Amino acid sequence: MDNLRRVYQQNKANADVKRTIRELKNKVYNYSEMEQMVREATCNDVSEPQLGLMREIAKGTFTVEFSSIMAVIWKRIKDTKSERHPYKCLVLLEFLLREGNAEMVLTQIQNNLHLVSALTSFRLINEYHVDVGMEVRERADRFLKFL
């Protein structure tokens, strides 16, 4: 039981450090509030993006913040060092098609379809020599069928 507690505390501490680093980057790079929300929704945490956060981002697609929202998504979808960024970007894009400015989001997706298609062959080998990109590949396949 003590080992489990220790592992939990280490994971919690690591998450806190990552969150602090993300907050520092937000300030240093002077990200807008909407860009910060997209960064939070597509962060490296193992949890799914929060529904409330995705709803706020979806509302932002009807505003002048649209291009900055999509810019962060396209930047993060190209991340090859983490499986979580592209995976969460696909989750967010699918949500934005349903709840956001669908016409503009769809146009952006069509213009960047090569990025989404490339994820169908996404590979990322972790420190244990295991390919952790399977979820991204499956999600990209489902997303392309969804379109």
N, C-alpha and C. Protein backbone atom coordinates (compact mmCIF):
# COMPACT_ATOMS: atom_id res chain seq x y z
N MET A 1 0.82 -1.19 0.00
CA MET A 1 0.00 0.00 0.00
C MET A 1 0.87 1.26 0.00
N ASP A 2 1.97 1.22 0.74
CA ASP A 2 2.87 2.37 0.78
C ASP A 2 3.49 2.63 -0.58
N ASN A 3 3.80 1.54 -1.32
CA ASN A 3 4.36 1.70 -2.66
C ASN A 3 3.37 2.39 -3.59
N LEU A 4 2.11 1.99 -3.51
CA LEU A 4 1.08 2.62 -4.32
C LEU A 4 0.94 4.11 -3.99
N ARG A 5 0.94 4.40 -2.72
CA ARG A 5 0.83 5.79 -2.27
C ARG A 5 2.02 6.61 -2.79
N ARG A 6 3.20 6.04 -2.74
CA ARG A 6 4.42 6.73 -3.20
C ARG A 6 4.34 7.00 -4.71
N VAL A 7 3.92 5.99 -5.46
CA VAL A 7 3.78 6.15 -6.92
C VAL A 7 2.74 7.23 -7.24
N TYR A 8 1.62 7.21 -6.53
CA TYR A 8 0.58 8.22 -6.73
C TYR A 8 1.12 9.62 -6.45
N GLN A 9 1.84 9.77 -5.35
CA GLN A 9 2.39 11.08 -5.00
C GLN A 9 3.43 11.55 -6.02
N GLN A 10 4.24 10.63 -6.54
CA GLN A 10 5.22 11.00 -7.57
C GLN A 10 4.52 11.44 -8.85
N ASN A 11 3.48 10.72 -9.24
CA ASN A 11 2.73 11.09 -10.44
C ASN A 11 2.06 12.44 -10.27
N LYS A 12 1.52 12.68 -9.09
CA LYS A 12 0.86 13.95 -8.81
C LYS A 12 1.89 15.08 -8.84
N ALA A 13 3.05 14.85 -8.28
CA ALA A 13 4.11 15.87 -8.29
C ALA A 13 4.57 16.15 -9.72
N ASN A 14 4.72 15.11 -10.54
CA ASN A 14 5.10 15.30 -11.94
C ASN A 14 4.06 16.10 -12.69
N ALA A 15 2.79 15.82 -12.45
CA ALA A 15 1.71 16.57 -13.11
C ALA A 15 1.74 18.03 -12.68
N ASP A 16 2.01 18.28 -11.40
CA ASP A 16 2.10 19.66 -10.92
C ASP A 16 3.25 20.40 -11.57
N VAL A 17 4.38 19.73 -11.75
CA VAL A 17 5.55 20.35 -12.39
C VAL A 17 5.22 20.68 -13.85
N LYS A 18 4.59 19.73 -14.55
CA LYS A 18 4.22 19.97 -15.95
C LYS A 18 3.25 21.14 -16.07
N ARG A 19 2.29 21.21 -15.16
CA ARG A 19 1.32 22.31 -15.19
C ARG A 19 2.02 23.64 -14.95
N THR A 20 2.96 23.67 -14.02
CA THR A 20 3.71 24.90 -13.72
C THR A 20 4.52 25.34 -14.94
N ILE A 21 5.16 24.39 -15.60
CA ILE A 21 5.93 24.70 -16.81
C ILE A 21 5.01 25.24 -17.90
N ARG A 22 3.84 24.62 -18.07
CA ARG A 22 2.87 25.09 -19.07
C ARG A 22 2.43 26.52 -18.75
N GLU A 23 2.19 26.81 -17.48
CA GLU A 23 1.77 28.16 -17.09
C GLU A 23 2.88 29.17 -17.36
N LEU A 24 4.12 28.78 -17.09
CA LEU A 24 5.26 29.67 -17.38
C LEU A 24 5.37 29.95 -18.88
N LYS A 25 5.23 28.91 -19.68
CA LYS A 25 5.29 29.10 -21.13
C LYS A 25 4.16 30.01 -21.60
N ASN A 26 2.98 29.86 -21.02
CA ASN A 26 1.85 30.72 -21.38
C ASN A 26 2.19 32.19 -21.16
N LYS A 27 2.87 32.47 -20.07
CA LYS A 27 3.23 33.86 -19.76
C LYS A 27 4.39 34.35 -20.64
N VAL A 28 5.41 33.52 -20.79
CA VAL A 28 6.60 33.91 -21.56
C VAL A 28 6.22 34.17 -23.02
N TYR A 29 5.43 33.28 -23.60
CA TYR A 29 5.05 33.42 -25.00
C TYR A 29 3.82 34.30 -25.20
N ASN A 30 3.28 34.82 -24.11
CA ASN A 30 2.16 35.75 -24.16
C ASN A 30 0.96 35.18 -24.93
N TYR A 31 0.61 33.92 -24.63
CA TYR A 31 -0.53 33.29 -25.27
C TYR A 31 -1.82 33.96 -24.80
N SER A 32 -2.78 34.10 -25.72
CA SER A 32 -4.09 34.63 -25.35
C SER A 32 -4.80 33.61 -24.45
N GLU A 33 -5.87 34.04 -23.85
CA GLU A 33 -6.63 33.14 -22.97
C GLU A 33 -7.15 31.93 -23.76
N MET A 34 -7.60 32.17 -24.98
CA MET A 34 -8.12 31.08 -25.80
C MET A 34 -7.00 30.12 -26.20
N GLU A 35 -5.83 30.64 -26.54
CA GLU A 35 -4.70 29.77 -26.87
C GLU A 35 -4.30 28.94 -25.65
N GLN A 36 -4.37 29.53 -24.48
CA GLN A 36 -4.06 28.79 -23.25
C GLN A 36 -5.06 27.66 -23.04
N MET A 37 -6.32 27.92 -23.36
CA MET A 37 -7.34 26.87 -23.22
C MET A 37 -7.06 25.71 -24.16
N VAL A 38 -6.67 26.03 -25.40
CA VAL A 38 -6.36 24.96 -26.36
C VAL A 38 -5.14 24.18 -25.90
N ARG A 39 -4.13 24.89 -25.39
CA ARG A 39 -2.94 24.22 -24.86
C ARG A 39 -3.31 23.30 -23.69
N GLU A 40 -4.20 23.75 -22.84
CA GLU A 40 -4.64 22.94 -21.70
C GLU A 40 -5.42 21.71 -22.18
N ALA A 41 -6.31 21.91 -23.15
CA ALA A 41 -7.13 20.80 -23.65
C ALA A 41 -6.29 19.75 -24.36
N THR A 42 -5.18 20.18 -24.97
CA THR A 42 -4.34 19.25 -25.74
C THR A 42 -3.02 18.95 -25.03
N CYS A 43 -2.99 19.14 -23.73
CA CYS A 43 -1.75 18.95 -22.96
C CYS A 43 -1.36 17.47 -22.91
N ASN A 44 -0.21 17.21 -22.34
CA ASN A 44 0.38 15.88 -22.29
C ASN A 44 -0.19 14.98 -21.21
N ASP A 45 -1.11 15.46 -20.41
CA ASP A 45 -1.70 14.62 -19.36
C ASP A 45 -2.43 13.44 -19.99
N VAL A 46 -2.55 12.37 -19.23
CA VAL A 46 -3.20 11.17 -19.76
C VAL A 46 -4.72 11.29 -19.77
N SER A 47 -5.27 12.25 -19.07
CA SER A 47 -6.72 12.39 -19.03
C SER A 47 -7.26 12.97 -20.33
N GLU A 48 -8.52 12.66 -20.60
CA GLU A 48 -9.20 13.22 -21.78
C GLU A 48 -9.40 14.73 -21.57
N PRO A 49 -9.51 15.49 -22.66
CA PRO A 49 -9.78 16.93 -22.51
C PRO A 49 -11.11 17.14 -21.78
N GLN A 50 -11.15 18.16 -20.92
CA GLN A 50 -12.36 18.43 -20.15
C GLN A 50 -13.45 18.97 -21.07
N LEU A 51 -14.66 18.48 -20.88
CA LEU A 51 -15.80 18.86 -21.70
C LEU A 51 -16.07 20.37 -21.62
N GLY A 52 -16.03 20.92 -20.41
CA GLY A 52 -16.29 22.35 -20.25
C GLY A 52 -15.27 23.20 -20.99
N LEU A 53 -14.02 22.77 -20.95
CA LEU A 53 -12.95 23.47 -21.64
C LEU A 53 -13.16 23.41 -23.15
N MET A 54 -13.53 22.24 -23.65
CA MET A 54 -13.78 22.10 -25.09
C MET A 54 -14.98 22.94 -25.53
N ARG A 55 -15.98 23.07 -24.67
CA ARG A 55 -17.14 23.91 -24.99
C ARG A 55 -16.73 25.38 -25.13
N GLU A 56 -15.87 25.84 -24.23
CA GLU A 56 -15.39 27.23 -24.31
C GLU A 56 -14.58 27.45 -25.59
N ILE A 57 -13.77 26.48 -25.94
CA ILE A 57 -12.99 26.58 -27.18
C ILE A 57 -13.93 26.59 -28.38
N ALA A 58 -14.97 25.75 -28.34
CA ALA A 58 -15.95 25.71 -29.43
C ALA A 58 -16.62 27.08 -29.60
N LYS A 59 -16.95 27.72 -28.50
CA LYS A 59 -17.52 29.08 -28.58
C LYS A 59 -16.53 30.04 -29.23
N GLY A 60 -15.25 29.85 -28.93
CA GLY A 60 -14.21 30.71 -29.48
C GLY A 60 -14.06 30.60 -30.99
N THR A 61 -14.55 29.49 -31.57
CA THR A 61 -14.44 29.33 -33.03
C THR A 61 -15.39 30.26 -33.77
N PHE A 62 -16.30 30.89 -33.05
CA PHE A 62 -17.22 31.85 -33.67
C PHE A 62 -16.71 33.28 -33.51
N THR A 63 -15.49 33.44 -32.99
CA THR A 63 -14.95 34.77 -32.72
C THR A 63 -13.68 35.01 -33.53
N VAL A 64 -13.06 36.15 -33.32
CA VAL A 64 -11.80 36.48 -34.00
C VAL A 64 -10.66 35.58 -33.53
N GLU A 65 -10.86 34.82 -32.49
CA GLU A 65 -9.84 33.91 -31.96
C GLU A 65 -9.71 32.63 -32.78
N PHE A 66 -10.58 32.47 -33.79
CA PHE A 66 -10.60 31.22 -34.55
C PHE A 66 -9.22 30.83 -35.06
N SER A 67 -8.52 31.77 -35.74
CA SER A 67 -7.22 31.41 -36.32
C SER A 67 -6.21 31.02 -35.27
N SER A 68 -6.21 31.69 -34.12
CA SER A 68 -5.22 31.32 -33.09
C SER A 68 -5.56 29.96 -32.48
N ILE A 69 -6.83 29.62 -32.38
CA ILE A 69 -7.23 28.30 -31.89
C ILE A 69 -6.70 27.23 -32.83
N MET A 70 -6.94 27.42 -34.10
CA MET A 70 -6.53 26.42 -35.09
C MET A 70 -5.01 26.35 -35.21
N ALA A 71 -4.33 27.47 -35.06
CA ALA A 71 -2.86 27.49 -35.14
C ALA A 71 -2.25 26.61 -34.05
N VAL A 72 -2.78 26.69 -32.85
CA VAL A 72 -2.27 25.86 -31.75
C VAL A 72 -2.56 24.38 -32.03
N ILE A 73 -3.76 24.11 -32.53
CA ILE A 73 -4.12 22.72 -32.84
C ILE A 73 -3.17 22.15 -33.89
N TRP A 74 -2.93 22.88 -34.98
CA TRP A 74 -2.07 22.37 -36.06
C TRP A 74 -0.63 22.25 -35.60
N LYS A 75 -0.20 23.13 -34.73
CA LYS A 75 1.17 23.01 -34.20
C LYS A 75 1.30 21.75 -33.35
N ARG A 76 0.32 21.52 -32.49
CA ARG A 76 0.39 20.38 -31.58
C ARG A 76 0.13 19.04 -32.26
N ILE A 77 -0.64 19.07 -33.34
CA ILE A 77 -0.94 17.81 -34.03
C ILE A 77 0.31 17.26 -34.71
N LYS A 78 1.30 18.14 -34.96
CA LYS A 78 2.55 17.74 -35.61
C LYS A 78 3.58 17.22 -34.60
N ASP A 79 3.26 17.24 -33.32
CA ASP A 79 4.22 16.82 -32.29
C ASP A 79 4.49 15.33 -32.40
N THR A 80 5.75 14.99 -32.63
CA THR A 80 6.12 13.57 -32.77
C THR A 80 6.79 13.05 -31.50
N LYS A 81 6.93 13.90 -30.48
CA LYS A 81 7.59 13.48 -29.24
C LYS A 81 6.59 12.96 -28.21
N SER A 82 5.32 13.14 -28.47
CA SER A 82 4.29 12.73 -27.51
C SER A 82 3.09 12.20 -28.27
N GLU A 83 2.51 11.13 -27.79
CA GLU A 83 1.29 10.63 -28.42
C GLU A 83 0.06 11.38 -27.95
N ARG A 84 0.15 12.05 -26.82
CA ARG A 84 -1.02 12.73 -26.24
C ARG A 84 -1.42 13.99 -27.01
N HIS A 85 -0.45 14.78 -27.48
CA HIS A 85 -0.79 16.00 -28.21
C HIS A 85 -1.62 15.70 -29.47
N PRO A 86 -1.12 14.85 -30.38
CA PRO A 86 -1.94 14.59 -31.58
C PRO A 86 -3.27 13.92 -31.26
N TYR A 87 -3.26 13.00 -30.29
CA TYR A 87 -4.50 12.31 -29.92
C TYR A 87 -5.56 13.31 -29.44
N LYS A 88 -5.15 14.18 -28.53
CA LYS A 88 -6.10 15.14 -27.97
C LYS A 88 -6.52 16.18 -29.01
N CYS A 89 -5.64 16.49 -29.95
CA CYS A 89 -6.02 17.40 -31.04
C CYS A 89 -7.14 16.79 -31.89
N LEU A 90 -7.03 15.48 -32.15
CA LEU A 90 -8.09 14.81 -32.91
C LEU A 90 -9.41 14.82 -32.15
N VAL A 91 -9.34 14.58 -30.84
CA VAL A 91 -10.54 14.62 -30.00
C VAL A 91 -11.16 16.02 -30.07
N LEU A 92 -10.32 17.04 -29.94
CA LEU A 92 -10.80 18.42 -29.96
C LEU A 92 -11.37 18.79 -31.33
N LEU A 93 -10.70 18.41 -32.40
CA LEU A 93 -11.20 18.72 -33.75
C LEU A 93 -12.57 18.09 -33.98
N GLU A 94 -12.73 16.86 -33.56
CA GLU A 94 -14.03 16.19 -33.72
C GLU A 94 -15.10 16.93 -32.93
N PHE A 95 -14.77 17.36 -31.73
CA PHE A 95 -15.71 18.11 -30.90
C PHE A 95 -16.06 19.44 -31.57
N LEU A 96 -15.05 20.13 -32.11
CA LEU A 96 -15.29 21.42 -32.75
C LEU A 96 -16.16 21.29 -33.99
N LEU A 97 -16.05 20.17 -34.69
CA LEU A 97 -16.93 19.95 -35.84
C LEU A 97 -18.39 19.81 -35.40
N ARG A 98 -18.61 19.23 -34.24
CA ARG A 98 -19.97 19.05 -33.73
C ARG A 98 -20.50 20.29 -33.04
N GLU A 99 -19.67 20.95 -32.24
CA GLU A 99 -20.15 22.02 -31.36
C GLU A 99 -19.69 23.42 -31.74
N GLY A 100 -18.67 23.53 -32.58
CA GLY A 100 -18.11 24.83 -32.92
C GLY A 100 -18.58 25.32 -34.27
N ASN A 101 -17.81 26.22 -34.85
CA ASN A 101 -18.10 26.77 -36.17
C ASN A 101 -17.70 25.71 -37.21
N ALA A 102 -18.62 24.77 -37.45
CA ALA A 102 -18.32 23.57 -38.24
C ALA A 102 -17.81 23.91 -39.63
N GLU A 103 -18.39 24.89 -40.27
CA GLU A 103 -17.99 25.23 -41.64
C GLU A 103 -16.52 25.67 -41.70
N MET A 104 -16.14 26.55 -40.79
CA MET A 104 -14.76 27.05 -40.79
C MET A 104 -13.78 25.97 -40.32
N VAL A 105 -14.19 25.17 -39.34
CA VAL A 105 -13.33 24.09 -38.85
C VAL A 105 -13.12 23.07 -39.97
N LEU A 106 -14.19 22.72 -40.68
CA LEU A 106 -14.08 21.76 -41.78
C LEU A 106 -13.15 22.29 -42.88
N THR A 107 -13.25 23.56 -43.19
CA THR A 107 -12.36 24.16 -44.19
C THR A 107 -10.91 24.03 -43.75
N GLN A 108 -10.65 24.32 -42.48
CA GLN A 108 -9.29 24.19 -41.94
C GLN A 108 -8.80 22.74 -42.02
N ILE A 109 -9.68 21.81 -41.69
CA ILE A 109 -9.30 20.39 -41.75
C ILE A 109 -8.99 19.99 -43.18
N GLN A 110 -9.82 20.44 -44.13
CA GLN A 110 -9.57 20.12 -45.53
C GLN A 110 -8.23 20.69 -46.00
N ASN A 111 -7.89 21.88 -45.53
CA ASN A 111 -6.62 22.52 -45.90
C ASN A 111 -5.43 21.82 -45.26
N ASN A 112 -5.65 21.13 -44.16
CA ASN A 112 -4.56 20.45 -43.43
C ASN A 112 -4.79 18.95 -43.34
N LEU A 113 -5.52 18.41 -44.29
CA LEU A 113 -5.86 16.99 -44.27
C LEU A 113 -4.61 16.11 -44.29
N HIS A 114 -3.54 16.59 -44.90
CA HIS A 114 -2.30 15.82 -44.94
C HIS A 114 -1.76 15.56 -43.54
N LEU A 115 -1.97 16.52 -42.61
CA LEU A 115 -1.50 16.34 -41.23
C LEU A 115 -2.30 15.24 -40.52
N VAL A 116 -3.62 15.25 -40.75
CA VAL A 116 -4.47 14.23 -40.12
C VAL A 116 -4.18 12.87 -40.75
N SER A 117 -4.05 12.83 -42.06
CA SER A 117 -3.76 11.56 -42.75
C SER A 117 -2.43 10.97 -42.30
N ALA A 118 -1.46 11.83 -42.06
CA ALA A 118 -0.14 11.34 -41.61
C ALA A 118 -0.24 10.63 -40.27
N LEU A 119 -1.23 10.98 -39.46
CA LEU A 119 -1.37 10.35 -38.14
C LEU A 119 -1.82 8.90 -38.24
N THR A 120 -2.32 8.48 -39.39
CA THR A 120 -2.73 7.08 -39.53
C THR A 120 -1.52 6.14 -39.52
N SER A 121 -0.33 6.72 -39.69
CA SER A 121 0.89 5.90 -39.61
C SER A 121 1.81 6.41 -38.49
N PHE A 122 1.24 7.08 -37.52
CA PHE A 122 2.00 7.64 -36.40
C PHE A 122 2.67 6.53 -35.59
N ARG A 123 3.94 6.70 -35.34
CA ARG A 123 4.70 5.73 -34.53
C ARG A 123 5.49 6.51 -33.47
N LEU A 124 5.47 6.01 -32.28
CA LEU A 124 6.27 6.58 -31.20
C LEU A 124 6.69 5.44 -30.29
N ILE A 125 7.99 5.25 -30.19
CA ILE A 125 8.54 4.17 -29.37
C ILE A 125 8.96 4.76 -28.02
N ASN A 126 8.42 4.19 -26.95
CA ASN A 126 8.76 4.70 -25.61
C ASN A 126 10.07 4.10 -25.11
N GLU A 127 10.44 4.42 -23.87
CA GLU A 127 11.71 3.96 -23.32
C GLU A 127 11.76 2.44 -23.13
N TYR A 128 10.61 1.78 -23.18
CA TYR A 128 10.57 0.32 -23.04
C TYR A 128 10.50 -0.36 -24.41
N HIS A 129 10.73 0.42 -25.47
CA HIS A 129 10.73 -0.07 -26.85
C HIS A 129 9.35 -0.58 -27.27
N VAL A 130 8.31 0.08 -26.77
CA VAL A 130 6.94 -0.26 -27.12
C VAL A 130 6.37 0.89 -27.94
N ASP A 131 5.69 0.55 -29.04
CA ASP A 131 5.04 1.57 -29.87
C ASP A 131 3.77 2.04 -29.16
N VAL A 132 3.77 3.30 -28.73
CA VAL A 132 2.62 3.85 -28.00
C VAL A 132 1.73 4.70 -28.93
N GLY A 133 1.95 4.60 -30.23
CA GLY A 133 1.20 5.41 -31.18
C GLY A 133 -0.08 4.77 -31.69
N MET A 134 -0.42 3.58 -31.21
CA MET A 134 -1.59 2.87 -31.72
C MET A 134 -2.88 3.67 -31.51
N GLU A 135 -3.06 4.27 -30.34
CA GLU A 135 -4.28 5.04 -30.08
C GLU A 135 -4.42 6.20 -31.07
N VAL A 136 -3.30 6.85 -31.40
CA VAL A 136 -3.32 7.97 -32.35
C VAL A 136 -3.71 7.45 -33.73
N ARG A 137 -3.12 6.35 -34.16
CA ARG A 137 -3.44 5.78 -35.48
C ARG A 137 -4.92 5.42 -35.57
N GLU A 138 -5.43 4.75 -34.52
CA GLU A 138 -6.84 4.35 -34.52
C GLU A 138 -7.76 5.57 -34.52
N ARG A 139 -7.41 6.57 -33.71
CA ARG A 139 -8.23 7.78 -33.64
C ARG A 139 -8.22 8.53 -34.98
N ALA A 140 -7.06 8.58 -35.63
CA ALA A 140 -6.96 9.24 -36.93
C ALA A 140 -7.81 8.51 -37.97
N ASP A 141 -7.76 7.18 -37.95
CA ASP A 141 -8.60 6.39 -38.87
C ASP A 141 -10.08 6.68 -38.65
N ARG A 142 -10.50 6.66 -37.39
CA ARG A 142 -11.90 6.95 -37.07
C ARG A 142 -12.29 8.36 -37.47
N PHE A 143 -11.37 9.31 -37.23
CA PHE A 143 -11.64 10.71 -37.56
C PHE A 143 -11.82 10.88 -39.07
N LEU A 144 -10.97 10.24 -39.86
CA LEU A 144 -11.09 10.36 -41.32
C LEU A 144 -12.39 9.71 -41.81
N LYS A 145 -12.81 8.62 -41.18
CA LYS A 145 -14.10 8.01 -41.53
C LYS A 145 -15.25 8.91 -41.11
N PHE A 146 -15.09 9.60 -39.99
CA PHE A 146 -16.10 10.53 -39.48
C PHE A 146 -16.33 11.67 -40.47
N LEU A 147 -15.24 12.10 -41.12
CA LEU A 147 -15.35 13.19 -42.11
C LEU A 147 -16.18 12.73 -43.28
